[in-house]
């Protein structure tokens, strides 16, 4: 299994600004021994459904309110995505970027099938059509060609070198087919953490 996590198409969990929850969450983190990102990435399926504590450096926060944080392992291609929940305050603060952090949460698996790829393609086509109507064909063509997601998301998907949307979809299909042939599983598994607490560590 590659040491990378595929980004699922699932929606982010709802956001609730509650600073008091953040303080309580940090106390919870301190009670458990932390795993390294590398340990979790090496065998993620063994942790599915478990509440764990993982420690790593925050390499990136999503631009949409800090709902997703990516914890980095021993190299830039080994990372795990953590999704914020109302229980831990609803978001990861911007000041956590490039800081070591412990995250407590439940490891979740999501699956990408051929049907999922088709849904992504349909959503992309609808977006391109809307942009063409509002901003013109040239802008729509640029969006249509560009790879989806930021650089960090593409690395987490194992697609750091892919630069177009069509190539991303082709890559998904090739990997789904490869896994189906080798393991009898016609889907890609993505693993991430639904965070319930976090703690920024001293550098």
N, C-alpha and C. Protein backbone atom coordinates (compact mmCIF):
# COMPACT_ATOMS: atom_id res chain seq x y z
N UNK A 1 0.84 -1.21 0.00
CA UNK A 1 0.00 0.00 0.00
C UNK A 1 0.87 1.25 0.00
N UNK A 2 0.52 2.20 -0.84
CA UNK A 2 1.30 3.42 -0.90
C UNK A 2 1.12 4.21 0.38
N UNK A 3 2.21 4.93 0.73
CA UNK A 3 2.14 5.75 1.94
C UNK A 3 1.50 7.08 1.62
N UNK A 4 0.26 7.04 1.17
CA UNK A 4 -0.46 8.26 0.89
C UNK A 4 -1.93 7.99 1.06
N UNK A 5 -2.69 9.00 1.35
CA UNK A 5 -4.11 8.84 1.60
C UNK A 5 -4.88 9.55 0.50
N UNK A 6 -5.89 8.89 -0.01
CA UNK A 6 -6.72 9.50 -1.03
C UNK A 6 -7.74 10.41 -0.36
N UNK A 7 -7.96 11.56 -0.97
CA UNK A 7 -8.94 12.49 -0.39
C UNK A 7 -10.33 12.06 -0.79
N UNK A 8 -11.19 11.87 0.18
CA UNK A 8 -12.55 11.45 -0.12
C UNK A 8 -13.37 12.64 -0.58
N UNK A 9 -14.47 12.35 -1.27
CA UNK A 9 -15.36 13.38 -1.76
C UNK A 9 -16.45 13.73 -0.76
N UNK A 10 -16.35 13.19 0.44
CA UNK A 10 -17.37 13.45 1.46
C UNK A 10 -17.33 14.90 1.91
N UNK A 11 -18.45 15.45 2.31
CA UNK A 11 -18.53 16.84 2.79
C UNK A 11 -17.89 16.96 4.17
N UNK A 12 -17.36 18.18 4.44
CA UNK A 12 -16.77 18.43 5.76
C UNK A 12 -17.86 18.40 6.83
N UNK A 13 -17.50 17.95 8.02
CA UNK A 13 -18.45 17.91 9.13
C UNK A 13 -18.71 19.34 9.61
N UNK A 14 -19.95 19.60 10.06
CA UNK A 14 -20.39 20.95 10.41
C UNK A 14 -19.49 21.70 11.36
N UNK A 15 -19.50 23.04 11.23
CA UNK A 15 -18.58 23.87 11.99
C UNK A 15 -19.30 24.58 13.12
N UNK A 16 -18.69 24.61 14.31
CA UNK A 16 -19.26 25.30 15.47
C UNK A 16 -18.14 25.98 16.23
N UNK A 17 -18.20 27.30 16.34
CA UNK A 17 -17.16 28.05 17.01
C UNK A 17 -17.39 27.98 18.51
N UNK A 18 -16.57 27.17 19.22
CA UNK A 18 -16.73 27.01 20.67
C UNK A 18 -15.37 26.86 21.30
N UNK A 19 -14.82 27.97 21.74
CA UNK A 19 -13.45 27.94 22.28
C UNK A 19 -13.35 27.13 23.56
N UNK A 20 -14.41 27.07 24.35
CA UNK A 20 -14.36 26.30 25.59
C UNK A 20 -14.13 24.83 25.31
N UNK A 21 -14.66 24.31 24.19
CA UNK A 21 -14.45 22.91 23.82
C UNK A 21 -12.99 22.67 23.51
N UNK A 22 -12.32 23.66 22.91
CA UNK A 22 -10.91 23.50 22.58
C UNK A 22 -10.07 23.27 23.82
N UNK A 23 -10.33 23.97 24.91
CA UNK A 23 -9.56 23.79 26.13
C UNK A 23 -9.77 22.41 26.73
N UNK A 24 -11.03 21.96 26.73
CA UNK A 24 -11.34 20.63 27.25
C UNK A 24 -10.68 19.56 26.40
N UNK A 25 -10.66 19.78 25.08
CA UNK A 25 -10.09 18.80 24.16
C UNK A 25 -8.61 18.62 24.40
N UNK A 26 -7.88 19.69 24.68
CA UNK A 26 -6.45 19.58 24.89
C UNK A 26 -6.14 18.71 26.11
N UNK A 27 -6.95 18.77 27.16
CA UNK A 27 -6.74 17.92 28.32
C UNK A 27 -6.91 16.45 27.97
N UNK A 28 -7.85 16.15 27.07
CA UNK A 28 -8.08 14.77 26.64
C UNK A 28 -6.88 14.23 25.89
N UNK A 29 -6.27 15.05 25.04
CA UNK A 29 -5.13 14.61 24.25
C UNK A 29 -3.99 14.15 25.14
N UNK A 30 -3.76 14.86 26.21
CA UNK A 30 -2.61 14.58 27.06
C UNK A 30 -2.70 13.22 27.76
N UNK A 31 -3.91 12.64 27.84
CA UNK A 31 -4.10 11.40 28.57
C UNK A 31 -3.70 10.15 27.79
N UNK A 32 -3.47 10.25 26.48
CA UNK A 32 -3.18 9.09 25.66
C UNK A 32 -1.82 9.22 25.00
N UNK A 33 -1.17 8.07 24.80
CA UNK A 33 0.11 8.07 24.12
C UNK A 33 -0.10 8.26 22.62
N UNK A 34 0.71 9.12 22.01
CA UNK A 34 0.52 9.45 20.61
C UNK A 34 1.25 8.48 19.70
N UNK A 35 0.63 8.20 18.55
CA UNK A 35 1.25 7.43 17.48
C UNK A 35 1.85 8.40 16.47
N UNK A 36 2.85 7.95 15.75
CA UNK A 36 3.40 8.77 14.67
C UNK A 36 2.51 8.66 13.44
N UNK A 37 2.59 9.65 12.57
CA UNK A 37 1.85 9.59 11.31
C UNK A 37 2.28 8.37 10.51
N UNK A 38 3.59 8.10 10.49
CA UNK A 38 4.10 6.96 9.73
C UNK A 38 3.48 5.64 10.19
N UNK A 39 3.30 5.49 11.51
CA UNK A 39 2.72 4.26 12.04
C UNK A 39 1.29 4.07 11.57
N UNK A 40 0.51 5.15 11.58
CA UNK A 40 -0.88 5.06 11.14
C UNK A 40 -0.97 4.81 9.64
N UNK A 41 -0.17 5.53 8.86
CA UNK A 41 -0.20 5.41 7.41
C UNK A 41 0.24 4.02 6.95
N UNK A 42 1.16 3.41 7.67
CA UNK A 42 1.68 2.10 7.29
C UNK A 42 0.63 1.01 7.33
N UNK A 43 -0.36 1.15 8.22
CA UNK A 43 -1.38 0.11 8.37
C UNK A 43 -2.71 0.72 8.82
N UNK A 44 -3.27 1.63 8.03
CA UNK A 44 -4.45 2.38 8.48
C UNK A 44 -5.67 1.53 8.73
N UNK A 45 -5.84 0.44 7.95
CA UNK A 45 -7.04 -0.36 8.11
C UNK A 45 -7.14 -1.01 9.49
N UNK A 46 -6.00 -1.17 10.15
CA UNK A 46 -6.02 -1.79 11.48
C UNK A 46 -6.55 -0.83 12.55
N UNK A 47 -6.65 0.46 12.22
CA UNK A 47 -7.12 1.45 13.19
C UNK A 47 -8.56 1.90 12.93
N UNK A 48 -9.18 1.44 11.85
CA UNK A 48 -10.52 1.91 11.48
C UNK A 48 -11.51 1.67 12.63
N UNK A 49 -12.22 2.72 13.00
CA UNK A 49 -13.19 2.65 14.08
C UNK A 49 -12.61 2.92 15.45
N UNK A 50 -11.28 2.96 15.54
CA UNK A 50 -10.63 3.20 16.83
C UNK A 50 -10.41 4.70 17.07
N UNK A 51 -10.45 5.09 18.32
CA UNK A 51 -10.05 6.44 18.70
C UNK A 51 -8.56 6.41 19.04
N UNK A 52 -7.78 7.20 18.32
CA UNK A 52 -6.33 7.22 18.51
C UNK A 52 -5.85 8.65 18.73
N UNK A 53 -4.60 8.77 19.14
CA UNK A 53 -3.92 10.06 19.22
C UNK A 53 -2.74 9.98 18.27
N UNK A 54 -2.64 10.91 17.34
CA UNK A 54 -1.55 10.92 16.37
C UNK A 54 -0.83 12.26 16.45
N UNK A 55 0.47 12.20 16.25
CA UNK A 55 1.29 13.41 16.37
C UNK A 55 2.07 13.66 15.07
N UNK A 56 2.07 14.91 14.62
CA UNK A 56 2.82 15.28 13.42
C UNK A 56 2.83 16.79 13.27
N UNK A 57 3.55 17.26 12.27
CA UNK A 57 3.61 18.69 11.99
C UNK A 57 2.50 19.04 11.00
N UNK A 58 1.80 20.13 11.28
CA UNK A 58 0.73 20.57 10.39
C UNK A 58 1.35 21.20 9.14
N UNK A 59 1.20 20.51 8.02
CA UNK A 59 1.79 21.01 6.78
C UNK A 59 0.86 21.94 6.03
N UNK A 60 -0.45 21.81 6.29
CA UNK A 60 -1.41 22.57 5.49
C UNK A 60 -2.76 22.59 6.18
N UNK A 61 -3.48 23.70 6.06
CA UNK A 61 -4.88 23.79 6.46
C UNK A 61 -5.69 24.12 5.23
N UNK A 62 -6.90 23.56 5.14
CA UNK A 62 -7.74 23.90 4.00
C UNK A 62 -8.14 25.37 4.10
N UNK A 63 -8.42 25.95 2.95
CA UNK A 63 -8.74 27.38 2.90
C UNK A 63 -10.16 27.68 3.34
N UNK A 64 -10.97 26.64 3.49
CA UNK A 64 -12.38 26.84 3.83
C UNK A 64 -12.58 26.75 5.34
N UNK A 65 -12.05 27.72 6.05
CA UNK A 65 -12.29 27.81 7.48
C UNK A 65 -11.46 26.89 8.35
N UNK A 66 -10.40 26.32 7.79
CA UNK A 66 -9.54 25.45 8.59
C UNK A 66 -10.20 24.16 9.04
N UNK A 67 -11.13 23.65 8.24
CA UNK A 67 -11.85 22.43 8.62
C UNK A 67 -11.01 21.17 8.44
N UNK A 68 -9.97 21.25 7.63
CA UNK A 68 -9.09 20.10 7.41
C UNK A 68 -7.65 20.49 7.71
N UNK A 69 -6.96 19.65 8.45
CA UNK A 69 -5.53 19.84 8.73
C UNK A 69 -4.80 18.59 8.27
N UNK A 70 -3.64 18.77 7.64
CA UNK A 70 -2.84 17.65 7.18
C UNK A 70 -1.60 17.53 8.08
N UNK A 71 -1.48 16.39 8.74
CA UNK A 71 -0.33 16.13 9.59
C UNK A 71 0.73 15.38 8.79
N UNK A 72 1.95 15.87 8.84
CA UNK A 72 3.04 15.34 8.05
C UNK A 72 3.82 14.30 8.83
N UNK A 73 4.24 13.24 8.13
CA UNK A 73 5.08 12.21 8.72
C UNK A 73 6.55 12.47 8.44
N UNK A 74 7.29 11.41 8.15
CA UNK A 74 8.74 11.52 8.00
C UNK A 74 9.17 12.13 6.68
N UNK A 75 8.26 12.22 5.70
CA UNK A 75 8.57 12.88 4.44
C UNK A 75 7.32 13.56 3.92
N UNK A 76 7.48 14.36 2.87
CA UNK A 76 6.39 15.20 2.40
C UNK A 76 5.24 14.42 1.76
N UNK A 77 5.45 13.15 1.45
CA UNK A 77 4.41 12.35 0.84
C UNK A 77 3.70 11.42 1.84
N UNK A 78 4.11 11.49 3.10
CA UNK A 78 3.47 10.69 4.14
C UNK A 78 2.69 11.62 5.05
N UNK A 79 1.37 11.58 4.92
CA UNK A 79 0.53 12.51 5.68
C UNK A 79 -0.83 11.89 5.93
N UNK A 80 -1.53 12.46 6.89
CA UNK A 80 -2.90 12.04 7.16
C UNK A 80 -3.77 13.28 7.33
N UNK A 81 -4.98 13.20 6.82
CA UNK A 81 -5.92 14.32 6.91
C UNK A 81 -6.74 14.19 8.18
N UNK A 82 -6.92 15.32 8.87
CA UNK A 82 -7.74 15.37 10.08
C UNK A 82 -8.87 16.36 9.81
N UNK A 83 -10.10 15.95 10.07
CA UNK A 83 -11.26 16.81 9.83
C UNK A 83 -11.83 17.29 11.16
N UNK A 84 -12.02 18.60 11.25
CA UNK A 84 -12.51 19.22 12.48
C UNK A 84 -13.98 18.90 12.72
N UNK A 85 -14.36 18.84 14.00
CA UNK A 85 -15.75 18.62 14.39
C UNK A 85 -16.17 19.68 15.40
N UNK A 86 -17.48 19.86 15.62
CA UNK A 86 -17.92 20.80 16.64
C UNK A 86 -17.36 20.48 18.02
N UNK A 87 -17.15 19.19 18.29
CA UNK A 87 -16.65 18.77 19.60
C UNK A 87 -15.30 19.39 19.94
N UNK A 88 -14.45 19.62 18.92
CA UNK A 88 -13.12 20.19 19.17
C UNK A 88 -13.05 21.66 18.78
N UNK A 89 -14.20 22.28 18.50
CA UNK A 89 -14.21 23.70 18.21
C UNK A 89 -14.59 24.04 16.79
N UNK A 90 -14.67 23.05 15.91
CA UNK A 90 -15.16 23.28 14.55
C UNK A 90 -14.13 23.64 13.51
N UNK A 91 -12.90 23.93 13.93
CA UNK A 91 -11.87 24.31 12.96
C UNK A 91 -10.50 24.23 13.63
N UNK A 92 -9.46 24.18 12.80
CA UNK A 92 -8.09 24.26 13.28
C UNK A 92 -7.59 25.69 13.04
N UNK A 93 -7.11 26.37 14.08
CA UNK A 93 -6.67 27.76 13.93
C UNK A 93 -5.50 27.90 12.95
N UNK A 94 -5.45 29.03 12.28
CA UNK A 94 -4.40 29.28 11.29
C UNK A 94 -3.01 29.23 11.91
N UNK A 95 -2.89 29.57 13.17
CA UNK A 95 -1.58 29.60 13.80
C UNK A 95 -1.01 28.20 14.04
N UNK A 96 -1.78 27.16 13.76
CA UNK A 96 -1.25 25.80 13.91
C UNK A 96 -0.41 25.36 12.71
N UNK A 97 -0.45 26.11 11.61
CA UNK A 97 0.32 25.74 10.41
C UNK A 97 1.81 25.70 10.74
N UNK A 98 2.47 24.62 10.32
CA UNK A 98 3.90 24.37 10.51
C UNK A 98 4.27 24.13 11.98
N UNK A 99 3.26 23.87 12.81
CA UNK A 99 3.53 23.59 14.22
C UNK A 99 3.29 22.09 14.50
N UNK A 100 4.05 21.51 15.44
CA UNK A 100 3.77 20.13 15.84
C UNK A 100 2.45 20.09 16.61
N UNK A 101 1.67 19.04 16.37
CA UNK A 101 0.35 18.98 16.98
C UNK A 101 -0.06 17.53 17.23
N UNK A 102 -0.77 17.32 18.33
CA UNK A 102 -1.40 16.03 18.62
C UNK A 102 -2.88 16.17 18.29
N UNK A 103 -3.42 15.15 17.64
CA UNK A 103 -4.85 15.13 17.33
C UNK A 103 -5.45 13.83 17.85
N UNK A 104 -6.54 13.95 18.56
CA UNK A 104 -7.31 12.79 18.99
C UNK A 104 -8.53 12.66 18.08
N UNK A 105 -8.82 11.43 17.64
CA UNK A 105 -10.00 11.26 16.80
C UNK A 105 -10.18 9.82 16.37
N UNK A 106 -11.26 9.59 15.63
CA UNK A 106 -11.62 8.26 15.15
C UNK A 106 -11.13 8.09 13.71
N UNK A 107 -10.47 6.98 13.44
CA UNK A 107 -10.00 6.68 12.09
C UNK A 107 -11.17 6.14 11.27
N UNK A 108 -11.37 6.75 10.11
CA UNK A 108 -12.50 6.42 9.24
C UNK A 108 -11.99 6.00 7.87
N UNK A 109 -12.66 5.03 7.27
CA UNK A 109 -12.37 4.62 5.89
C UNK A 109 -13.50 5.09 4.99
N UNK A 110 -13.16 5.66 3.84
CA UNK A 110 -14.16 5.91 2.81
C UNK A 110 -13.67 5.26 1.52
N UNK A 111 -14.59 4.96 0.64
CA UNK A 111 -14.25 4.19 -0.55
C UNK A 111 -14.62 4.93 -1.83
N UNK A 112 -13.71 4.92 -2.77
CA UNK A 112 -13.95 5.52 -4.08
C UNK A 112 -14.14 4.41 -5.11
N UNK A 113 -15.31 4.38 -5.72
CA UNK A 113 -15.63 3.40 -6.73
C UNK A 113 -15.73 4.09 -8.10
N UNK A 114 -16.01 3.31 -9.11
CA UNK A 114 -16.25 3.89 -10.44
C UNK A 114 -17.42 4.85 -10.39
N UNK A 115 -18.44 4.52 -9.61
CA UNK A 115 -19.59 5.41 -9.47
C UNK A 115 -19.17 6.74 -8.85
N UNK A 116 -18.28 6.70 -7.87
CA UNK A 116 -17.79 7.93 -7.24
C UNK A 116 -17.07 8.80 -8.27
N UNK A 117 -16.22 8.19 -9.08
CA UNK A 117 -15.48 8.92 -10.12
C UNK A 117 -16.46 9.59 -11.08
N UNK A 118 -17.50 8.86 -11.47
CA UNK A 118 -18.50 9.43 -12.37
C UNK A 118 -19.21 10.61 -11.73
N UNK A 119 -19.48 10.53 -10.44
CA UNK A 119 -20.13 11.64 -9.74
C UNK A 119 -19.22 12.88 -9.72
N UNK A 120 -17.92 12.65 -9.46
CA UNK A 120 -16.96 13.76 -9.47
C UNK A 120 -16.91 14.41 -10.84
N UNK A 121 -16.90 13.58 -11.89
CA UNK A 121 -16.87 14.10 -13.26
C UNK A 121 -18.12 14.91 -13.57
N UNK A 122 -19.28 14.44 -13.12
CA UNK A 122 -20.53 15.15 -13.37
C UNK A 122 -20.55 16.50 -12.66
N UNK A 123 -20.07 16.52 -11.42
CA UNK A 123 -20.00 17.78 -10.67
C UNK A 123 -19.03 18.76 -11.33
N UNK A 124 -17.91 18.22 -11.82
CA UNK A 124 -16.91 19.05 -12.50
C UNK A 124 -17.50 19.65 -13.77
N UNK A 125 -18.21 18.84 -14.55
CA UNK A 125 -18.81 19.32 -15.79
C UNK A 125 -19.84 20.42 -15.51
N UNK A 126 -20.61 20.26 -14.44
CA UNK A 126 -21.60 21.27 -14.06
C UNK A 126 -20.92 22.58 -13.67
N UNK A 127 -19.80 22.45 -12.94
CA UNK A 127 -19.05 23.64 -12.54
C UNK A 127 -18.50 24.37 -13.75
N UNK A 128 -17.93 23.61 -14.70
CA UNK A 128 -17.36 24.21 -15.92
C UNK A 128 -18.46 24.92 -16.72
N UNK A 129 -19.63 24.29 -16.81
CA UNK A 129 -20.76 24.90 -17.53
C UNK A 129 -21.16 26.22 -16.88
N UNK A 130 -21.23 26.24 -15.56
CA UNK A 130 -21.61 27.45 -14.84
C UNK A 130 -20.59 28.58 -15.06
N UNK A 131 -19.31 28.22 -15.02
CA UNK A 131 -18.27 29.22 -15.23
C UNK A 131 -18.33 29.78 -16.64
N UNK A 132 -18.61 28.92 -17.61
CA UNK A 132 -18.73 29.36 -19.01
C UNK A 132 -19.84 30.39 -19.16
N UNK A 133 -20.95 30.16 -18.46
CA UNK A 133 -22.08 31.08 -18.54
C UNK A 133 -21.80 32.40 -17.85
N UNK A 134 -21.02 32.33 -16.75
CA UNK A 134 -20.80 33.53 -15.94
C UNK A 134 -19.52 34.28 -16.29
N UNK A 135 -18.49 33.55 -16.73
CA UNK A 135 -17.18 34.19 -16.95
C UNK A 135 -16.62 33.98 -18.36
N UNK A 136 -17.28 33.19 -19.15
CA UNK A 136 -16.82 33.01 -20.53
C UNK A 136 -16.13 31.68 -20.76
N UNK A 137 -16.03 31.30 -22.03
CA UNK A 137 -15.48 30.00 -22.42
C UNK A 137 -14.00 29.86 -22.09
N UNK A 138 -13.25 30.93 -22.20
CA UNK A 138 -11.81 30.85 -21.94
C UNK A 138 -11.54 30.47 -20.48
N UNK A 139 -12.24 31.12 -19.56
CA UNK A 139 -12.08 30.80 -18.15
C UNK A 139 -12.55 29.38 -17.85
N UNK A 140 -13.65 29.00 -18.48
CA UNK A 140 -14.18 27.65 -18.27
C UNK A 140 -13.21 26.59 -18.76
N UNK A 141 -12.56 26.85 -19.88
CA UNK A 141 -11.59 25.90 -20.43
C UNK A 141 -10.41 25.72 -19.50
N UNK A 142 -9.98 26.82 -18.87
CA UNK A 142 -8.85 26.76 -17.94
C UNK A 142 -9.22 25.92 -16.72
N UNK A 143 -10.43 26.10 -16.21
CA UNK A 143 -10.89 25.32 -15.06
C UNK A 143 -11.04 23.86 -15.44
N UNK A 144 -11.53 23.61 -16.63
CA UNK A 144 -11.76 22.23 -17.09
C UNK A 144 -10.45 21.44 -17.15
N UNK A 145 -9.37 22.10 -17.51
CA UNK A 145 -8.08 21.42 -17.67
C UNK A 145 -7.34 21.27 -16.34
N UNK A 146 -7.54 22.19 -15.43
CA UNK A 146 -6.74 22.22 -14.20
C UNK A 146 -7.06 21.04 -13.28
N UNK A 147 -6.03 20.56 -12.60
CA UNK A 147 -6.21 19.49 -11.61
C UNK A 147 -7.04 20.01 -10.45
N UNK A 148 -7.87 19.15 -9.90
CA UNK A 148 -8.71 19.52 -8.76
C UNK A 148 -7.91 19.45 -7.47
N UNK A 149 -8.23 20.36 -6.53
CA UNK A 149 -7.58 20.33 -5.23
C UNK A 149 -6.25 21.06 -5.22
N UNK A 150 -5.82 21.43 -4.03
CA UNK A 150 -4.54 22.11 -3.89
C UNK A 150 -3.40 21.08 -3.97
N UNK A 151 -2.18 21.58 -3.99
CA UNK A 151 -1.01 20.70 -4.11
C UNK A 151 -0.95 19.68 -2.98
N UNK A 152 -1.25 20.11 -1.76
CA UNK A 152 -1.20 19.20 -0.62
C UNK A 152 -2.24 18.09 -0.75
N UNK A 153 -3.44 18.44 -1.19
CA UNK A 153 -4.47 17.44 -1.39
C UNK A 153 -4.07 16.43 -2.45
N UNK A 154 -3.45 16.91 -3.52
CA UNK A 154 -3.03 15.99 -4.58
C UNK A 154 -1.93 15.05 -4.08
N UNK A 155 -1.02 15.57 -3.27
CA UNK A 155 0.01 14.70 -2.70
C UNK A 155 -0.61 13.64 -1.81
N UNK A 156 -1.60 14.04 -1.02
CA UNK A 156 -2.27 13.10 -0.14
C UNK A 156 -3.00 12.02 -0.92
N UNK A 157 -3.40 12.34 -2.13
CA UNK A 157 -4.06 11.37 -3.00
C UNK A 157 -3.06 10.52 -3.77
N UNK A 158 -1.78 10.81 -3.62
CA UNK A 158 -0.79 10.11 -4.42
C UNK A 158 -0.74 10.63 -5.84
N UNK A 159 -1.19 11.89 -6.04
CA UNK A 159 -1.27 12.47 -7.37
C UNK A 159 -0.48 13.78 -7.46
N UNK A 160 0.61 13.84 -6.74
CA UNK A 160 1.38 15.07 -6.69
C UNK A 160 1.94 15.51 -8.02
N UNK A 161 2.18 14.58 -8.93
CA UNK A 161 2.75 14.91 -10.23
C UNK A 161 1.69 15.12 -11.31
N UNK A 162 0.43 14.92 -10.98
CA UNK A 162 -0.64 15.04 -11.97
C UNK A 162 -1.15 16.47 -12.01
N UNK A 163 -1.31 17.02 -13.21
CA UNK A 163 -1.63 18.44 -13.34
C UNK A 163 -2.91 18.73 -14.12
N UNK A 164 -3.70 17.71 -14.42
CA UNK A 164 -4.96 17.96 -15.13
C UNK A 164 -6.07 17.12 -14.53
N UNK A 165 -7.29 17.60 -14.67
CA UNK A 165 -8.45 16.89 -14.12
C UNK A 165 -8.63 15.55 -14.82
N UNK A 166 -8.52 15.54 -16.13
CA UNK A 166 -8.70 14.30 -16.88
C UNK A 166 -7.69 13.24 -16.45
N UNK A 167 -6.45 13.66 -16.23
CA UNK A 167 -5.41 12.72 -15.80
C UNK A 167 -5.71 12.19 -14.40
N UNK A 168 -6.26 13.04 -13.52
CA UNK A 168 -6.64 12.59 -12.18
C UNK A 168 -7.69 11.48 -12.26
N UNK A 169 -8.71 11.69 -13.06
CA UNK A 169 -9.78 10.69 -13.18
C UNK A 169 -9.25 9.39 -13.79
N UNK A 170 -8.37 9.53 -14.78
CA UNK A 170 -7.77 8.34 -15.39
C UNK A 170 -6.93 7.58 -14.38
N UNK A 171 -6.23 8.31 -13.53
CA UNK A 171 -5.40 7.70 -12.49
C UNK A 171 -6.26 6.94 -11.49
N UNK A 172 -7.36 7.53 -11.07
CA UNK A 172 -8.28 6.85 -10.16
C UNK A 172 -8.77 5.54 -10.78
N UNK A 173 -9.19 5.61 -12.03
CA UNK A 173 -9.73 4.42 -12.68
C UNK A 173 -8.67 3.32 -12.81
N UNK A 174 -7.45 3.71 -13.15
CA UNK A 174 -6.38 2.72 -13.30
C UNK A 174 -6.09 2.04 -11.96
N UNK A 175 -6.09 2.83 -10.88
CA UNK A 175 -5.78 2.27 -9.57
C UNK A 175 -6.93 1.41 -9.05
N UNK A 176 -8.17 1.80 -9.35
CA UNK A 176 -9.32 0.97 -8.97
C UNK A 176 -9.24 -0.37 -9.69
N UNK A 177 -8.94 -0.33 -10.98
CA UNK A 177 -8.83 -1.56 -11.76
C UNK A 177 -7.70 -2.45 -11.25
N UNK A 178 -6.58 -1.83 -10.91
CA UNK A 178 -5.44 -2.59 -10.42
C UNK A 178 -5.77 -3.29 -9.10
N UNK A 179 -6.44 -2.57 -8.20
CA UNK A 179 -6.79 -3.19 -6.92
C UNK A 179 -7.83 -4.28 -7.10
N UNK A 180 -8.78 -4.05 -8.00
CA UNK A 180 -9.80 -5.07 -8.24
C UNK A 180 -9.16 -6.36 -8.75
N UNK A 181 -8.16 -6.22 -9.62
CA UNK A 181 -7.50 -7.40 -10.17
C UNK A 181 -6.65 -8.11 -9.13
N UNK A 182 -5.93 -7.34 -8.31
CA UNK A 182 -5.01 -7.93 -7.34
C UNK A 182 -5.70 -8.43 -6.07
N UNK A 183 -6.71 -7.67 -5.59
CA UNK A 183 -7.30 -7.97 -4.30
C UNK A 183 -8.78 -8.33 -4.36
N UNK A 184 -9.37 -8.19 -5.56
CA UNK A 184 -10.80 -8.44 -5.66
C UNK A 184 -11.65 -7.35 -5.06
N UNK A 185 -11.08 -6.16 -4.86
CA UNK A 185 -11.79 -5.03 -4.26
C UNK A 185 -11.85 -3.90 -5.29
N UNK A 186 -13.01 -3.66 -5.91
CA UNK A 186 -13.12 -2.65 -6.97
C UNK A 186 -13.31 -1.23 -6.44
N UNK A 187 -12.45 -0.83 -5.55
CA UNK A 187 -12.54 0.51 -4.98
C UNK A 187 -11.19 0.90 -4.37
N UNK A 188 -11.01 2.20 -4.19
CA UNK A 188 -9.85 2.72 -3.47
C UNK A 188 -10.29 3.10 -2.06
N UNK A 189 -9.47 2.80 -1.09
CA UNK A 189 -9.77 3.16 0.30
C UNK A 189 -9.02 4.43 0.67
N UNK A 190 -9.71 5.33 1.32
CA UNK A 190 -9.06 6.51 1.89
C UNK A 190 -9.28 6.49 3.39
N UNK A 191 -8.28 6.90 4.12
CA UNK A 191 -8.35 6.88 5.58
C UNK A 191 -8.05 8.28 6.11
N UNK A 192 -8.85 8.73 7.04
CA UNK A 192 -8.65 10.04 7.63
C UNK A 192 -9.15 10.01 9.08
N UNK A 193 -8.89 11.08 9.79
CA UNK A 193 -9.27 11.14 11.21
C UNK A 193 -10.36 12.18 11.42
N UNK A 194 -11.44 11.76 12.04
CA UNK A 194 -12.49 12.68 12.48
C UNK A 194 -12.08 13.16 13.87
N UNK A 195 -11.58 14.38 13.93
CA UNK A 195 -10.92 14.88 15.14
C UNK A 195 -11.92 15.30 16.21
N UNK A 196 -11.62 14.91 17.44
CA UNK A 196 -12.44 15.33 18.59
C UNK A 196 -11.65 16.21 19.56
N UNK A 197 -10.33 16.28 19.38
CA UNK A 197 -9.48 17.11 20.24
C UNK A 197 -8.16 17.35 19.55
N UNK A 198 -7.49 18.44 19.92
CA UNK A 198 -6.15 18.70 19.40
C UNK A 198 -5.34 19.46 20.43
N UNK A 199 -4.03 19.38 20.29
CA UNK A 199 -3.13 20.10 21.19
C UNK A 199 -1.90 20.53 20.41
N UNK A 200 -1.62 21.81 20.39
CA UNK A 200 -0.39 22.32 19.76
C UNK A 200 0.77 22.07 20.72
N UNK A 201 1.84 21.46 20.23
CA UNK A 201 2.97 21.09 21.05
C UNK A 201 4.10 22.11 20.97
N UNK A 202 4.96 22.15 21.98
CA UNK A 202 6.13 23.04 21.93
C UNK A 202 7.04 22.62 20.77
N UNK A 203 7.66 23.60 20.14
CA UNK A 203 8.55 23.29 19.01
C UNK A 203 9.92 22.91 19.54
